[in-house]
Amino acid sequence: MNRRTFLGISAASLAHMAMAKPEDSIPIIDTHIHLFDPTRPQGVPWPEKNDSVLYQPALPRRYRDVNSGLGIVGAIEVEASPWLEDNQWVLDIAEKDEIIVGTVGNLEPGQPEFRKQLERFHRNPLFRGIRYGKLWGRNLAEQVPRPEFISDLRTLADAGLTLDTANQDPELIAATVTVSDRVPNLRIVIDHLPQMDPPADASARSQVEKDLRELGRRPQVYVKVSEVLRRVNGSVSYETSFYRDRLDQVSETFGPDRVLYGSDWPNSDRWGSYPQVLKIVREYFLGKGREAAEKYFWKNSVAAYQWVHRDSQQPRL
């Protein structure tokens, strides 16, 4: 390399550094994506064939393509199927691509085979927890009175794994408080909270606000600031100001140490592209300062999921 070439490279590097934005150096762990492949012989339980947006393979290679250049260094897959063997299918897919740092499976606490199934999948260190809430005909609120259900959640907690709660509404939020009461060492992640509309009834609204404040005081309870975009009167706003009030409510309730980034890809494609989804929360959390943004985009996910480092780009505390 001659001196002129070296100086040219140095000048280009310095120019790039000068133009670089502060957010460019913040690595991002996306704590909520889905993987599925409708083209496989057994098909998929979701999405449905008539879904023109979602009914196509959602695999790590495509995920890398849609977020290229955005700073995504790792992702946690959240199971989108009630079929037991799809837990293994996802683990097999994840094993082949180091961008997947963990998976959240779909098992049923309170069922006779739960502990055996949990032991089986937890042998793989990528298996970081399970999802349960209002999904696949299951309802957390209906299960919490059952001693065997709570006992299995204690087993989950003792294994160091996490419970994701799915599809928030006031009943599910109240049930989450009960679960946290009965299994205080269980790490709980509330997903998609910005998407939940407050009840119209004043009494019901007051109660859910009280429940959220209670969860906000518990250090083992986290919340995904995901599914932020909303369609109102047939259109979706891509302006951060449109979502600020709701984002403020979630952030103030749970604080800077317990909010997590999740894209909900590819389900998020219903509302916008990956860059559009990321833009809103990136602007919002960078507005709180770099430290708050780092906590939201990766540091808090380490505490919530204790995910597996698989690539040198994936940060460590």
Protein backbone atom coordinates (compact mmCIF):
# COMPACT_ATOMS: atom_id res chain seq x y z
CA MET A 1 0.00 0.00 0.00
CA ASN A 2 1.52 3.35 -1.03
CA ARG A 3 1.38 6.54 1.00
CA ARG A 4 -1.26 8.17 -1.21
CA THR A 5 -3.57 5.14 -0.90
CA PHE A 6 -3.09 5.06 2.87
CA LEU A 7 -3.89 8.74 3.22
CA GLY A 8 -6.97 8.30 1.03
CA ILE A 9 -8.26 5.47 3.20
CA SER A 10 -7.53 7.45 6.36
CA ALA A 11 -9.36 10.49 5.03
CA ALA A 12 -12.35 8.38 4.06
CA SER A 13 -12.42 6.75 7.48
CA LEU A 14 -12.27 10.09 9.25
CA ALA A 15 -15.04 11.43 7.05
CA HIS A 16 -17.21 8.44 7.88
CA MET A 17 -16.55 8.93 11.58
CA ALA A 18 -17.45 12.59 11.30
CA MET A 19 -20.75 11.74 9.60
CA ALA A 20 -21.60 8.84 11.93
CA LYS A 21 -24.61 9.35 14.14
CA PRO A 22 -24.51 8.51 17.88
CA GLU A 23 -27.02 5.70 17.40
CA ASP A 24 -24.79 3.97 14.84
CA SER A 25 -22.57 2.62 17.63
CA ILE A 26 -25.40 1.26 19.81
CA PRO A 27 -25.85 -2.46 19.16
CA ILE A 28 -29.43 -3.72 19.15
CA ILE A 29 -30.86 -6.97 20.47
CA ASP A 30 -34.35 -7.47 19.06
CA THR A 31 -36.25 -9.41 21.73
CA HIS A 32 -39.30 -10.29 19.67
CA ILE A 33 -39.26 -11.88 16.23
CA HIS A 34 -41.11 -14.88 14.80
CA LEU A 35 -39.72 -17.63 12.58
CA PHE A 36 -41.88 -19.90 10.42
CA ASP A 37 -41.94 -21.48 6.98
CA PRO A 38 -45.28 -22.11 5.24
CA THR A 39 -43.51 -24.05 2.47
CA ARG A 40 -42.49 -26.96 4.72
CA PRO A 41 -44.46 -30.22 4.28
CA GLN A 42 -46.48 -29.87 7.50
CA GLY A 43 -47.28 -26.20 6.85
CA VAL A 44 -47.84 -23.79 9.74
CA PRO A 45 -50.70 -23.07 12.16
CA TRP A 46 -50.05 -19.34 11.67
CA PRO A 47 -50.18 -17.22 9.57
CA GLU A 48 -53.17 -18.21 7.48
CA LYS A 49 -52.88 -18.91 3.75
CA ASN A 50 -55.01 -15.90 2.83
CA ASP A 51 -52.65 -13.50 4.63
CA SER A 52 -50.93 -11.81 1.70
CA VAL A 53 -48.47 -9.97 3.96
CA LEU A 54 -47.29 -12.74 6.28
CA TYR A 55 -47.79 -16.02 4.40
CA GLN A 56 -44.20 -16.45 3.22
CA PRO A 57 -41.06 -17.89 4.82
CA ALA A 58 -39.82 -15.84 7.78
CA LEU A 59 -36.31 -17.16 8.37
CA PRO A 60 -33.03 -15.69 9.69
CA ARG A 61 -31.64 -14.88 6.23
CA ARG A 62 -34.66 -12.75 5.36
CA TYR A 63 -34.57 -11.15 8.81
CA ARG A 64 -30.96 -10.13 8.21
CA ASP A 65 -31.93 -8.63 4.86
CA VAL A 66 -34.77 -6.46 6.18
CA ASN A 67 -32.65 -4.95 8.97
CA SER A 68 -29.36 -4.63 7.09
CA GLY A 69 -27.39 -1.57 8.19
CA LEU A 70 -29.65 -0.79 11.16
CA GLY A 71 -27.37 -2.07 13.93
CA ILE A 72 -29.23 -5.30 14.76
CA VAL A 73 -26.68 -7.76 16.17
CA GLY A 74 -28.95 -10.37 17.76
CA ALA A 75 -32.56 -11.47 18.09
CA ILE A 76 -34.76 -13.58 20.34
CA GLU A 77 -37.35 -15.71 18.58
CA VAL A 78 -40.79 -15.94 20.20
CA GLU A 79 -42.73 -19.05 19.23
CA ALA A 80 -45.69 -18.52 16.90
CA SER A 81 -47.00 -22.09 16.95
CA PRO A 82 -48.78 -24.27 19.53
CA TRP A 83 -47.33 -27.45 18.02
CA LEU A 84 -44.90 -29.07 20.46
CA GLU A 85 -42.34 -30.10 17.84
CA ASP A 86 -42.15 -26.58 16.48
CA ASN A 87 -40.11 -25.76 19.58
CA GLN A 88 -37.49 -28.13 18.19
CA TRP A 89 -37.90 -26.85 14.64
CA VAL A 90 -37.09 -23.31 15.77
CA LEU A 91 -34.11 -24.47 17.83
CA ASP A 92 -32.76 -26.31 14.78
CA ILE A 93 -33.19 -23.21 12.60
CA ALA A 94 -31.62 -20.99 15.27
CA GLU A 95 -28.62 -23.27 15.60
CA LYS A 96 -27.66 -22.48 12.00
CA ASP A 97 -27.55 -18.68 12.34
CA GLU A 98 -25.70 -16.82 15.10
CA ILE A 99 -27.98 -13.80 14.94
CA ILE A 100 -30.49 -15.82 17.01
CA VAL A 101 -29.37 -15.50 20.64
CA GLY A 102 -32.38 -17.17 22.24
CA THR A 103 -35.85 -18.61 21.73
CA VAL A 104 -39.03 -18.36 23.79
CA GLY A 105 -40.95 -21.60 23.40
CA ASN A 106 -44.57 -22.61 23.60
CA LEU A 107 -45.31 -25.14 26.36
CA GLU A 108 -48.31 -25.56 28.69
CA PRO A 109 -47.65 -25.31 32.43
CA GLY A 110 -50.10 -27.35 34.46
CA GLN A 111 -50.11 -30.24 32.00
CA PRO A 112 -48.68 -33.65 33.02
CA GLU A 113 -45.87 -33.57 30.44
CA PHE A 114 -44.75 -29.99 31.09
CA ARG A 115 -41.67 -30.70 33.23
CA LYS A 116 -40.45 -33.46 30.93
CA GLN A 117 -40.90 -31.20 27.90
CA LEU A 118 -39.20 -28.29 29.65
CA GLU A 119 -36.24 -30.46 30.57
CA ARG A 120 -35.96 -31.66 26.99
CA PHE A 121 -35.88 -28.23 25.34
CA HIS A 122 -33.91 -26.52 28.09
CA ARG A 123 -30.98 -28.83 27.32
CA ASN A 124 -30.40 -26.42 24.46
CA PRO A 125 -28.99 -23.19 25.96
CA LEU A 126 -30.82 -21.13 23.34
CA PHE A 127 -34.14 -22.06 24.98
CA ARG A 128 -34.72 -19.06 27.26
CA GLY A 129 -38.32 -19.38 28.40
CA ILE A 130 -41.94 -19.89 27.39
CA ARG A 131 -44.85 -17.76 26.23
CA TYR A 132 -48.30 -17.91 27.81
CA GLY A 133 -51.14 -15.46 28.04
CA LYS A 134 -54.14 -15.16 25.75
CA LEU A 135 -53.11 -17.24 22.79
CA TRP A 136 -54.07 -20.54 21.13
CA GLY A 137 -57.24 -20.77 23.21
CA ARG A 138 -55.29 -20.53 26.47
CA ASN A 139 -55.91 -17.94 29.16
CA LEU A 140 -53.45 -17.20 31.95
CA ALA A 141 -56.21 -15.80 34.16
CA GLU A 142 -58.07 -19.11 34.04
CA GLN A 143 -54.97 -21.09 34.96
CA VAL A 144 -53.53 -19.18 37.92
CA PRO A 145 -55.98 -20.71 40.47
CA ARG A 146 -54.64 -24.18 39.61
CA PRO A 147 -51.88 -25.30 42.05
CA GLU A 148 -50.24 -27.49 39.39
CA PHE A 149 -49.98 -24.51 37.04
CA ILE A 150 -48.24 -22.36 39.65
CA SER A 151 -46.02 -25.28 40.62
CA ASP A 152 -44.83 -25.60 37.03
CA LEU A 153 -44.13 -21.87 36.88
CA ARG A 154 -41.96 -22.29 39.97
CA THR A 155 -40.06 -24.98 38.07
CA LEU A 156 -39.64 -22.54 35.20
CA ALA A 157 -38.31 -19.88 37.57
CA ASP A 158 -35.95 -22.29 39.32
CA ALA A 159 -34.50 -23.19 35.91
CA GLY A 160 -33.63 -19.52 35.41
CA LEU A 161 -36.07 -19.17 32.53
CA THR A 162 -38.52 -16.40 31.64
CA LEU A 163 -42.29 -16.18 31.16
CA ASP A 164 -43.50 -13.97 28.29
CA THR A 165 -47.15 -12.93 28.56
CA ALA A 166 -49.01 -12.65 25.26
CA ASN A 167 -51.73 -10.27 24.02
CA GLN A 168 -52.33 -7.80 26.81
CA ASP A 169 -55.69 -6.80 28.23
CA PRO A 170 -56.77 -5.82 31.76
CA GLU A 171 -57.60 -9.41 32.73
CA LEU A 172 -54.16 -10.61 31.66
CA ILE A 173 -52.42 -7.75 33.46
CA ALA A 174 -54.28 -8.63 36.68
CA ALA A 175 -53.35 -12.30 36.26
CA THR A 176 -49.72 -11.30 35.77
CA VAL A 177 -49.76 -9.57 39.17
CA THR A 178 -51.08 -12.78 40.73
CA VAL A 179 -48.40 -14.89 39.05
CA SER A 180 -45.72 -12.52 40.28
CA ASP A 181 -47.18 -12.70 43.80
CA ARG A 182 -47.10 -16.49 43.83
CA VAL A 183 -43.79 -16.97 42.02
CA PRO A 184 -41.76 -13.92 43.07
CA ASN A 185 -38.47 -15.15 41.60
CA LEU A 186 -39.97 -15.64 38.11
CA ARG A 187 -38.76 -13.18 35.51
CA ILE A 188 -41.79 -11.99 33.54
CA VAL A 189 -41.79 -10.11 30.23
CA ILE A 190 -44.99 -8.29 29.24
CA ASP A 191 -45.15 -8.07 25.47
CA HIS A 192 -46.62 -5.38 23.19
CA LEU A 193 -47.93 -3.19 26.00
CA PRO A 194 -48.21 -0.03 23.84
CA GLN A 195 -50.83 -1.82 21.73
CA MET A 196 -53.24 -2.27 24.68
CA ASP A 197 -56.06 0.27 24.73
CA PRO A 198 -57.17 1.49 28.17
CA PRO A 199 -60.70 0.42 29.17
CA ALA A 200 -63.48 2.92 28.50
CA ASP A 201 -64.97 2.29 31.93
CA ALA A 202 -63.34 4.56 34.51
CA SER A 203 -63.28 1.94 37.25
CA ALA A 204 -61.72 -0.70 35.00
CA ARG A 205 -59.19 1.83 33.74
CA SER A 206 -58.25 2.77 37.29
CA GLN A 207 -57.73 -0.89 38.19
CA VAL A 208 -55.48 -1.70 35.24
CA GLU A 209 -53.43 1.42 35.92
CA LYS A 210 -53.06 0.29 39.54
CA ASP A 211 -51.99 -3.19 38.41
CA LEU A 212 -49.43 -1.77 36.00
CA ARG A 213 -47.99 0.48 38.71
CA GLU A 214 -47.68 -2.56 40.95
CA LEU A 215 -45.86 -4.51 38.23
CA GLY A 216 -43.72 -1.46 37.60
CA ARG A 217 -42.41 -1.68 41.16
CA ARG A 218 -41.23 -5.28 40.76
CA PRO A 219 -37.64 -5.57 39.51
CA GLN A 220 -38.19 -9.00 37.95
CA VAL A 221 -40.96 -7.75 35.62
CA TYR A 222 -39.99 -6.31 32.22
CA VAL A 223 -42.02 -4.85 29.38
CA LYS A 224 -41.49 -4.88 25.64
CA VAL A 225 -41.99 -1.51 24.02
CA SER A 226 -43.12 -3.30 20.88
CA GLU A 227 -46.11 -3.13 18.52
CA VAL A 228 -45.90 0.63 18.90
CA LEU A 229 -47.28 1.53 15.47
CA ARG A 230 -51.05 1.80 15.23
CA ARG A 231 -53.55 2.10 12.41
CA VAL A 232 -56.06 4.88 13.10
CA ASN A 233 -58.85 5.62 10.65
CA GLY A 234 -57.16 3.45 8.07
CA SER A 235 -53.72 5.04 8.20
CA VAL A 236 -50.48 4.60 10.14
CA SER A 237 -48.45 7.52 11.42
CA TYR A 238 -44.64 7.30 11.24
CA GLU A 239 -44.08 10.37 13.39
CA THR A 240 -42.64 9.82 16.85
CA SER A 241 -44.76 12.63 18.30
CA PHE A 242 -47.92 10.66 17.52
CA TYR A 243 -46.84 7.89 19.93
CA ARG A 244 -45.08 9.94 22.59
CA ASP A 245 -47.84 10.02 25.22
CA ARG A 246 -48.24 6.24 25.25
CA LEU A 247 -44.49 5.67 25.22
CA ASP A 248 -44.14 8.09 28.13
CA GLN A 249 -46.73 6.15 30.13
CA VAL A 250 -44.93 2.83 29.66
CA SER A 251 -41.47 4.29 30.28
CA GLU A 252 -42.51 6.16 33.41
CA THR A 253 -44.30 3.12 34.84
CA PHE A 254 -41.46 0.64 34.37
CA GLY A 255 -38.41 2.89 34.39
CA PRO A 256 -35.24 2.80 32.29
CA ASP A 257 -33.99 -0.58 33.55
CA ARG A 258 -36.94 -2.73 32.50
CA VAL A 259 -37.98 -1.70 29.00
CA LEU A 260 -36.96 -3.88 26.03
CA TYR A 261 -36.83 -3.40 22.28
CA GLY A 262 -38.87 -5.81 20.17
CA SER A 263 -39.79 -5.40 16.52
CA ASP A 264 -42.46 -8.13 16.32
CA TRP A 265 -41.11 -8.96 12.85
CA PRO A 266 -42.60 -10.07 10.50
CA ASN A 267 -45.97 -9.37 12.13
CA SER A 268 -44.84 -5.73 12.18
CA ASP A 269 -44.99 -5.67 8.37
CA ARG A 270 -48.73 -5.10 8.75
CA TRP A 271 -47.97 -1.56 9.96
CA GLY A 272 -44.69 -0.65 8.31
CA SER A 273 -41.23 -1.69 7.20
CA TYR A 274 -38.54 -2.66 9.69
CA PRO A 275 -36.79 0.74 9.39
CA GLN A 276 -40.11 2.53 9.99
CA VAL A 277 -40.80 0.44 13.10
CA LEU A 278 -37.32 1.04 14.47
CA LYS A 279 -37.32 4.77 13.67
CA ILE A 280 -40.07 5.60 16.18
CA VAL A 281 -38.48 3.94 19.21
CA ARG A 282 -34.96 4.94 18.19
CA GLU A 283 -35.89 8.60 18.11
CA TYR A 284 -37.84 8.32 21.34
CA PHE A 285 -35.19 6.55 23.42
CA LEU A 286 -32.25 8.49 22.01
CA GLY A 287 -34.17 11.55 23.13
CA LYS A 288 -33.68 10.27 26.68
CA GLY A 289 -29.89 10.10 26.24
CA ARG A 290 -27.43 7.46 25.18
CA GLU A 291 -27.49 5.57 28.49
CA ALA A 292 -31.27 5.11 28.34
CA ALA A 293 -31.06 4.04 24.71
CA GLU A 294 -28.37 1.43 25.44
CA LYS A 295 -30.47 -0.02 28.24
CA TYR A 296 -33.52 -0.24 26.01
CA PHE A 297 -31.77 -1.62 22.94
CA TRP A 298 -29.60 -4.29 24.58
CA LYS A 299 -28.55 -4.04 28.22
CA ASN A 300 -31.96 -4.77 29.74
CA SER A 301 -32.40 -7.80 27.48
CA VAL A 302 -29.38 -9.44 29.11
CA ALA A 303 -31.03 -9.24 32.52
CA ALA A 304 -34.46 -10.30 31.24
CA TYR A 305 -33.42 -13.30 29.13
CA GLN A 306 -29.77 -14.09 29.94
CA TRP A 307 -29.37 -14.80 26.24
CA VAL A 308 -26.46 -16.61 24.61
CA HIS A 309 -23.53 -14.70 23.09
CA ARG A 310 -22.78 -16.24 19.71
CA ASP A 311 -21.03 -13.50 17.75
CA SER A 312 -18.29 -10.98 18.52
CA GLN A 313 -20.63 -8.11 17.59
CA GLN A 314 -23.03 -9.06 20.35
CA PRO A 315 -22.26 -6.88 23.40
CA ARG A 316 -21.47 -7.93 26.94
CA LEU A 317 -22.19 -6.07 30.16
